[in-house]
Amino acid sequence: MKNVLVLALAVFVLAPSTVVTCPYPAVAQVSPASPLPSASPGVLDQTLDVEGVPVPLRDFATLIALMLSVYVPMKGAHPTSVIVTKKQSEMPAFDPDFHYAGNDGSPDQPKLTMWVSDRLGGKPPHDAMTSAAILGILDSGLGGPQFQQVYAAARKDDLALGPAATDTWKNRRALSARLTTLIDVMMAGMTKRRS
């Protein structure tokens, strides 16, 4: 049910507007155009504070849709995952189950490399997969201006750790984990309201 709501939200936000035609073409040609009523901000234009940056809910919906596209085959340009099974001993100590290992640099359709521990038998935790997908999307520059601003600050903090740090992506991984939690809370709230 949760994934259906996420997909419905993503389709609502990303679907093109409906075109309405006049059933009387002559009237449409003769009548002067009336101004559209001023649109009040919609729910998707409301913002949530993420690390001090106001991010519109519309950007969350876009991020969720992109995150889903990473693991679900779809038509059109979108980020995809390349999942590589690794021995447990090859997995980073800070990401022992599922790890975002980088992308191929393609601007429209990046391939995000994910490592999964062989001990999981191909069934990594949902939150780890979500967090890795979000990290890959932001690392690819597809998060939208506000999310990319937050990501750039986390990247700057990671660079300040220096090359001797064990986890040179510590702050970016923490950001994607917080975004995963926030998205889970948002989706639980939507599911509760729909029930």
Protein backbone atom coordinates (compact mmCIF):
# COMPACT_ATOMS: atom_id res chain seq x y z
CA MET A 1 0.00 0.00 0.00
CA LYS A 2 2.84 2.38 0.89
CA ASN A 3 4.48 1.97 -2.52
CA VAL A 4 1.15 2.49 -4.28
CA LEU A 5 0.65 5.80 -2.46
CA VAL A 6 4.17 6.91 -3.27
CA LEU A 7 3.68 6.06 -6.93
CA ALA A 8 0.29 7.81 -6.97
CA LEU A 9 1.83 10.92 -5.45
CA ALA A 10 4.68 10.80 -7.94
CA VAL A 11 2.29 10.38 -10.90
CA PHE A 12 0.13 13.27 -9.63
CA VAL A 13 3.12 15.56 -9.41
CA LEU A 14 4.95 14.49 -12.55
CA ALA A 15 2.01 13.88 -14.92
CA PRO A 16 1.42 16.56 -17.53
CA SER A 17 -1.56 18.86 -17.02
CA THR A 18 -4.88 17.85 -18.53
CA VAL A 19 -5.89 19.77 -21.65
CA VAL A 20 -9.49 20.99 -21.58
CA THR A 21 -11.12 21.84 -24.90
CA CYS A 22 -14.22 23.91 -25.53
CA PRO A 23 -17.15 21.92 -26.99
CA TYR A 24 -18.16 25.01 -29.01
CA PRO A 25 -15.14 26.04 -31.11
CA ALA A 26 -16.83 29.18 -32.52
CA VAL A 27 -17.45 30.51 -29.02
CA ALA A 28 -13.88 29.80 -28.04
CA GLN A 29 -12.63 31.81 -31.02
CA VAL A 30 -14.92 34.84 -30.52
CA SER A 31 -14.94 35.19 -26.75
CA PRO A 32 -12.12 37.22 -25.25
CA ALA A 33 -9.88 35.26 -22.99
CA SER A 34 -10.73 35.75 -19.36
CA PRO A 35 -7.89 35.98 -16.89
CA LEU A 36 -7.27 32.88 -14.86
CA PRO A 37 -8.10 33.19 -11.20
CA SER A 38 -5.02 33.67 -9.10
CA ALA A 39 -3.89 30.27 -7.98
CA SER A 40 -3.42 29.83 -4.30
CA PRO A 41 -0.43 27.78 -3.26
CA GLY A 42 -1.25 24.08 -3.28
CA VAL A 43 -0.25 21.43 -0.82
CA LEU A 44 2.72 20.48 -2.97
CA ASP A 45 4.02 24.04 -2.79
CA GLN A 46 4.24 23.92 1.00
CA THR A 47 7.74 23.44 2.32
CA LEU A 48 9.52 21.35 4.92
CA ASP A 49 12.72 22.48 6.54
CA VAL A 50 15.63 20.22 5.65
CA GLU A 51 18.87 21.23 7.31
CA GLY A 52 17.75 24.88 7.34
CA VAL A 53 16.62 24.89 3.68
CA PRO A 54 12.88 25.11 2.86
CA VAL A 55 12.14 22.28 0.41
CA PRO A 56 8.74 22.18 -1.37
CA LEU A 57 6.73 18.98 -1.00
CA ARG A 58 6.72 18.85 -4.81
CA ASP A 59 10.50 18.25 -4.65
CA PHE A 60 9.94 15.43 -2.15
CA ALA A 61 7.46 13.84 -4.57
CA THR A 62 9.98 14.13 -7.39
CA LEU A 63 12.72 12.63 -5.20
CA ILE A 64 10.41 9.74 -4.26
CA ALA A 65 9.57 9.08 -7.91
CA LEU A 66 13.25 9.08 -8.85
CA MET A 67 14.06 6.86 -5.89
CA LEU A 68 11.45 4.33 -7.05
CA SER A 69 12.82 4.43 -10.58
CA VAL A 70 16.25 3.31 -9.35
CA TYR A 71 14.99 -0.18 -8.54
CA VAL A 72 11.96 -0.52 -10.84
CA PRO A 73 12.44 -0.96 -14.60
CA MET A 74 10.73 1.92 -16.40
CA LYS A 75 10.72 3.46 -19.85
CA GLY A 76 12.38 6.79 -20.45
CA ALA A 77 15.40 8.45 -18.92
CA HIS A 78 15.82 7.73 -15.21
CA PRO A 79 18.48 6.64 -12.76
CA THR A 80 18.95 2.87 -12.53
CA SER A 81 20.81 0.59 -10.19
CA VAL A 82 23.57 -1.89 -10.84
CA ILE A 83 23.55 -4.23 -7.86
CA VAL A 84 26.76 -6.08 -7.14
CA THR A 85 26.89 -8.85 -4.54
CA LYS A 86 29.97 -8.63 -2.31
CA LYS A 87 31.35 -10.91 0.36
CA GLN A 88 30.66 -9.62 3.85
CA SER A 89 34.39 -9.02 4.31
CA GLU A 90 34.39 -6.71 1.26
CA MET A 91 31.60 -4.50 2.55
CA PRO A 92 32.51 -1.23 4.32
CA ALA A 93 32.25 -1.47 8.12
CA PHE A 94 30.03 1.65 8.16
CA ASP A 95 27.66 0.17 5.50
CA PRO A 96 27.75 -3.59 6.12
CA ASP A 97 24.51 -4.57 4.35
CA PHE A 98 23.88 -2.26 1.39
CA HIS A 99 26.22 0.42 0.10
CA TYR A 100 26.04 3.12 -2.58
CA ALA A 101 29.38 2.81 -4.37
CA GLY A 102 29.13 5.62 -6.97
CA ASN A 103 27.65 6.36 -10.39
CA ASP A 104 28.78 6.35 -13.99
CA GLY A 105 28.42 10.13 -14.35
CA SER A 106 25.64 10.12 -16.96
CA PRO A 107 23.62 13.33 -16.49
CA ASP A 108 20.16 12.02 -17.52
CA GLN A 109 20.26 8.31 -16.78
CA PRO A 110 22.98 7.60 -14.24
CA LYS A 111 23.72 4.02 -13.33
CA LEU A 112 24.07 3.86 -9.56
CA THR A 113 26.31 1.06 -8.33
CA MET A 114 25.02 -0.60 -5.17
CA TRP A 115 26.86 -3.26 -3.20
CA VAL A 116 24.84 -5.82 -1.27
CA SER A 117 26.28 -8.25 1.25
CA ASP A 118 26.09 -11.91 0.23
CA ARG A 119 24.93 -12.83 3.74
CA LEU A 120 21.57 -11.17 3.04
CA GLY A 121 20.67 -13.58 0.25
CA GLY A 122 19.58 -10.74 -2.04
CA LYS A 123 17.15 -9.23 0.49
CA PRO A 124 18.64 -5.99 1.82
CA PRO A 125 16.70 -3.87 4.33
CA HIS A 126 14.20 -1.49 2.72
CA ASP A 127 15.54 1.59 4.51
CA ALA A 128 19.11 0.80 3.44
CA MET A 129 17.98 0.54 -0.20
CA THR A 130 15.98 3.77 0.04
CA SER A 131 18.84 5.64 1.67
CA ALA A 132 21.33 4.39 -0.94
CA ALA A 133 19.00 5.40 -3.79
CA ILE A 134 18.54 8.88 -2.33
CA LEU A 135 22.30 9.24 -1.91
CA GLY A 136 22.87 8.18 -5.51
CA ILE A 137 20.23 10.58 -6.84
CA LEU A 138 21.71 13.51 -4.91
CA ASP A 139 25.25 12.50 -5.88
CA SER A 140 24.12 12.51 -9.52
CA GLY A 141 22.76 16.07 -9.17
CA LEU A 142 19.12 15.09 -9.78
CA GLY A 143 17.65 16.25 -6.46
CA GLY A 144 16.48 19.71 -7.51
CA PRO A 145 18.02 23.01 -6.35
CA GLN A 146 17.03 22.87 -2.68
CA PHE A 147 18.01 19.24 -2.13
CA GLN A 148 21.26 19.82 -4.01
CA GLN A 149 21.99 22.81 -1.75
CA VAL A 150 21.58 20.59 1.33
CA TYR A 151 23.69 17.86 -0.31
CA ALA A 152 26.46 20.36 -1.17
CA ALA A 153 26.68 21.39 2.50
CA ALA A 154 26.98 17.74 3.59
CA ARG A 155 29.63 17.15 0.89
CA LYS A 156 31.57 20.17 2.13
CA ASP A 157 31.48 18.76 5.66
CA ASP A 158 32.74 15.42 4.29
CA LEU A 159 35.62 17.08 2.46
CA ALA A 160 36.59 18.79 5.73
CA LEU A 161 37.05 15.34 7.30
CA GLY A 162 40.19 14.88 5.20
CA PRO A 163 41.49 11.85 3.33
CA ALA A 164 42.45 10.00 6.52
CA ALA A 165 38.78 9.62 7.54
CA THR A 166 37.47 6.06 7.56
CA ASP A 167 34.16 7.13 6.04
CA THR A 168 34.66 10.05 3.65
CA TRP A 169 30.89 10.12 2.94
CA LYS A 170 29.81 10.19 6.60
CA ASN A 171 27.75 13.41 6.42
CA ARG A 172 26.19 12.63 3.06
CA ARG A 173 25.18 9.15 4.22
CA ALA A 174 23.71 10.67 7.41
CA LEU A 175 21.75 13.15 5.28
CA SER A 176 20.30 10.37 3.10
CA ALA A 177 19.38 8.38 6.23
CA ARG A 178 17.56 11.43 7.67
CA LEU A 179 15.74 11.96 4.37
CA THR A 180 14.74 8.28 4.34
CA THR A 181 13.27 8.64 7.82
CA LEU A 182 11.46 11.85 6.84
CA ILE A 183 10.00 10.22 3.72
CA ASP A 184 8.90 7.19 5.77
CA VAL A 185 7.14 9.50 8.25
CA MET A 186 5.47 11.44 5.42
CA MET A 187 4.27 8.24 3.76
CA ALA A 188 2.99 6.81 7.07
CA GLY A 189 1.03 10.02 7.61
CA MET A 190 -0.49 9.80 4.12
CA THR A 191 -1.40 6.17 4.64
CA LYS A 192 -3.02 6.97 7.99
CA ARG A 193 -5.08 9.81 6.49
CA ARG A 194 -6.27 7.59 3.63
CA SER A 195 -7.43 4.85 6.02
